[in-house]
Amino acid sequence: MDDSPASYIHMVQHLIEKCLIFHMNKEECMAALSKHANIKPVITSTVWNELEKENPEFFKAYSPRRGNEDRTMSDAETGEELEKILSKISS
């Protein structure tokens, strides 16, 4: 993986997108990436905020839909999925 700041931001963006697939809100995503990917919450928050600015319609639609999910992933499942993603990115 390229060690440039742009590459790092792109990786964080990719991980946030996975958090969205797992139906996480911003705080859950920040906690998961901090715990499982060693990404500082301020970085996740900043990238999330930029994604919200670039895609306001998506985030407006995403918020209400999130509450209707029957099941969210457990912390262990989230960690396993994020570790798989990180290993793919780094190889």
C-alpha atoms as a PDB file:
ATOM      1  CA  MET A   1       0.000   0.000   0.000  1.00  0.00           C
ATOM      2  CA  ASP A   2       1.165   3.509  -0.837  1.00  0.00           C
ATOM      3  CA  ASP A   3       2.035   5.453   2.344  1.00  0.00           C
ATOM      4  CA  SER A   4       0.899   8.833   1.015  1.00  0.00           C
ATOM      5  CA  PRO A   5      -1.674  10.860   2.956  1.00  0.00           C
ATOM      6  CA  ALA A   6      -4.104  10.552   0.033  1.00  0.00           C
ATOM      7  CA  SER A   7      -3.780   6.768   0.112  1.00  0.00           C
ATOM      8  CA  TYR A   8      -4.411   6.730   3.861  1.00  0.00           C
ATOM      9  CA  ILE A   9      -7.506   8.916   3.504  1.00  0.00           C
ATOM     10  CA  HIS A  10      -8.750   6.664   0.696  1.00  0.00           C
ATOM     11  CA  MET A  11      -8.312   3.624   2.960  1.00  0.00           C
ATOM     12  CA  VAL A  12     -10.247   5.343   5.771  1.00  0.00           C
ATOM     13  CA  GLN A  13     -12.991   6.247   3.297  1.00  0.00           C
ATOM     14  CA  HIS A  14     -13.178   2.628   2.155  1.00  0.00           C
ATOM     15  CA  LEU A  15     -13.455   1.429   5.764  1.00  0.00           C
ATOM     16  CA  ILE A  16     -16.190   3.985   6.488  1.00  0.00           C
ATOM     17  CA  GLU A  17     -18.095   2.688   3.469  1.00  0.00           C
ATOM     18  CA  LYS A  18     -17.856  -0.805   4.967  1.00  0.00           C
ATOM     19  CA  CYS A  19     -19.137   0.530   8.289  1.00  0.00           C
ATOM     20  CA  LEU A  20     -22.127   1.945   6.422  1.00  0.00           C
ATOM     21  CA  ILE A  21     -22.759  -1.476   4.904  1.00  0.00           C
ATOM     22  CA  PHE A  22     -22.721  -2.845   8.458  1.00  0.00           C
ATOM     23  CA  HIS A  23     -25.373  -0.209   9.362  1.00  0.00           C
ATOM     24  CA  MET A  24     -23.152   1.675  11.797  1.00  0.00           C
ATOM     25  CA  ASN A  25     -23.618   5.308  12.700  1.00  0.00           C
ATOM     26  CA  LYS A  26     -20.704   7.734  12.869  1.00  0.00           C
ATOM     27  CA  GLU A  27     -19.891   7.061  16.531  1.00  0.00           C
ATOM     28  CA  GLU A  28     -19.984   3.282  16.083  1.00  0.00           C
ATOM     29  CA  CYS A  29     -17.749   3.569  13.020  1.00  0.00           C
ATOM     30  CA  MET A  30     -15.266   5.780  14.868  1.00  0.00           C
ATOM     31  CA  ALA A  31     -15.104   3.278  17.738  1.00  0.00           C
ATOM     32  CA  ALA A  32     -14.761   0.267  15.435  1.00  0.00           C
ATOM     33  CA  LEU A  33     -12.004   1.796  13.309  1.00  0.00           C
ATOM     34  CA  SER A  34     -10.155   2.970  16.407  1.00  0.00           C
ATOM     35  CA  LYS A  35     -10.326  -0.468  18.003  1.00  0.00           C
ATOM     36  CA  HIS A  36      -9.815  -2.719  14.982  1.00  0.00           C
ATOM     37  CA  ALA A  37      -7.818  -0.593  12.528  1.00  0.00           C
ATOM     38  CA  ASN A  38      -5.953   1.750  14.907  1.00  0.00           C
ATOM     39  CA  ILE A  39      -7.367   4.818  13.156  1.00  0.00           C
ATOM     40  CA  LYS A  40      -7.762   7.858  15.376  1.00  0.00           C
ATOM     41  CA  PRO A  41     -11.415   8.853  15.839  1.00  0.00           C
ATOM     42  CA  VAL A  42     -10.667  12.417  14.729  1.00  0.00           C
ATOM     43  CA  ILE A  43      -9.468  11.079  11.353  1.00  0.00           C
ATOM     44  CA  THR A  44     -12.582   8.935  10.913  1.00  0.00           C
ATOM     45  CA  SER A  45     -14.798  11.845  11.943  1.00  0.00           C
ATOM     46  CA  THR A  46     -13.108  14.236   9.513  1.00  0.00           C
ATOM     47  CA  VAL A  47     -13.377  11.831   6.579  1.00  0.00           C
ATOM     48  CA  TRP A  48     -16.999  10.994   7.510  1.00  0.00           C
ATOM     49  CA  ASN A  49     -17.857  14.728   7.594  1.00  0.00           C
ATOM     50  CA  GLU A  50     -16.341  15.218   4.142  1.00  0.00           C
ATOM     51  CA  LEU A  51     -18.320  12.253   2.806  1.00  0.00           C
ATOM     52  CA  GLU A  52     -21.482  13.814   4.237  1.00  0.00           C
ATOM     53  CA  LYS A  53     -20.679  17.104   2.456  1.00  0.00           C
ATOM     54  CA  GLU A  54     -20.067  15.309  -0.843  1.00  0.00           C
ATOM     55  CA  ASN A  55     -23.116  13.017  -0.567  1.00  0.00           C
ATOM     56  CA  PRO A  56     -25.810  14.817   1.458  1.00  0.00           C
ATOM     57  CA  GLU A  57     -28.697  12.954  -0.197  1.00  0.00           C
ATOM     58  CA  PHE A  58     -27.212   9.579   0.689  1.00  0.00           C
ATOM     59  CA  PHE A  59     -26.659  10.446   4.344  1.00  0.00           C
ATOM     60  CA  LYS A  60     -30.116  11.995   4.639  1.00  0.00           C
ATOM     61  CA  ALA A  61     -31.639   8.764   3.308  1.00  0.00           C
ATOM     62  CA  TYR A  62     -29.249   6.544   5.292  1.00  0.00           C
ATOM     63  CA  SER A  63     -30.089   7.941   8.726  1.00  0.00           C
ATOM     64  CA  PRO A  64     -33.759   6.980   8.982  1.00  0.00           C
ATOM     65  CA  ARG A  65     -33.233   3.650   7.256  1.00  0.00           C
ATOM     66  CA  ARG A  66     -30.624   2.633   9.825  1.00  0.00           C
ATOM     67  CA  GLY A  67     -33.180   2.388  12.620  1.00  0.00           C
ATOM     68  CA  ASN A  68     -35.211  -0.181  10.705  1.00  0.00           C
ATOM     69  CA  GLU A  69     -32.515  -2.824  10.552  1.00  0.00           C
ATOM     70  CA  ASP A  70     -33.291  -6.091  12.288  1.00  0.00           C
ATOM     71  CA  ARG A  71     -29.716  -6.928  13.120  1.00  0.00           C
ATOM     72  CA  THR A  72     -26.404  -5.153  13.337  1.00  0.00           C
ATOM     73  CA  MET A  73     -23.068  -6.919  13.494  1.00  0.00           C
ATOM     74  CA  SER A  74     -21.517  -7.760  16.836  1.00  0.00           C
ATOM     75  CA  ASP A  75     -18.212  -6.225  17.827  1.00  0.00           C
ATOM     76  CA  ALA A  76     -16.429  -9.507  17.077  1.00  0.00           C
ATOM     77  CA  GLU A  77     -18.036  -9.806  13.630  1.00  0.00           C
ATOM     78  CA  THR A  78     -17.175  -6.204  12.866  1.00  0.00           C
ATOM     79  CA  GLY A  79     -13.567  -6.758  13.910  1.00  0.00           C
ATOM     80  CA  GLU A  80     -13.278  -9.859  11.734  1.00  0.00           C
ATOM     81  CA  GLU A  81     -14.681  -8.074   8.689  1.00  0.00           C
ATOM     82  CA  LEU A  82     -12.468  -5.008   9.175  1.00  0.00           C
ATOM     83  CA  GLU A  83      -9.396  -7.206   9.610  1.00  0.00           C
ATOM     84  CA  LYS A  84     -10.210  -8.985   6.322  1.00  0.00           C
ATOM     85  CA  ILE A  85     -10.561  -5.636   4.557  1.00  0.00           C
ATOM     86  CA  LEU A  86      -7.309  -4.303   6.051  1.00  0.00           C
ATOM     87  CA  SER A  87      -5.394  -7.418   5.006  1.00  0.00           C
ATOM     88  CA  LYS A  88      -6.694  -7.076   1.445  1.00  0.00           C
ATOM     89  CA  ILE A  89      -5.719  -3.406   1.338  1.00  0.00           C
ATOM     90  CA  SER A  90      -2.203  -4.034   2.660  1.00  0.00           C
ATOM     91  CA  SER A  91      -1.439  -6.904   0.274  1.00  0.00           C
END
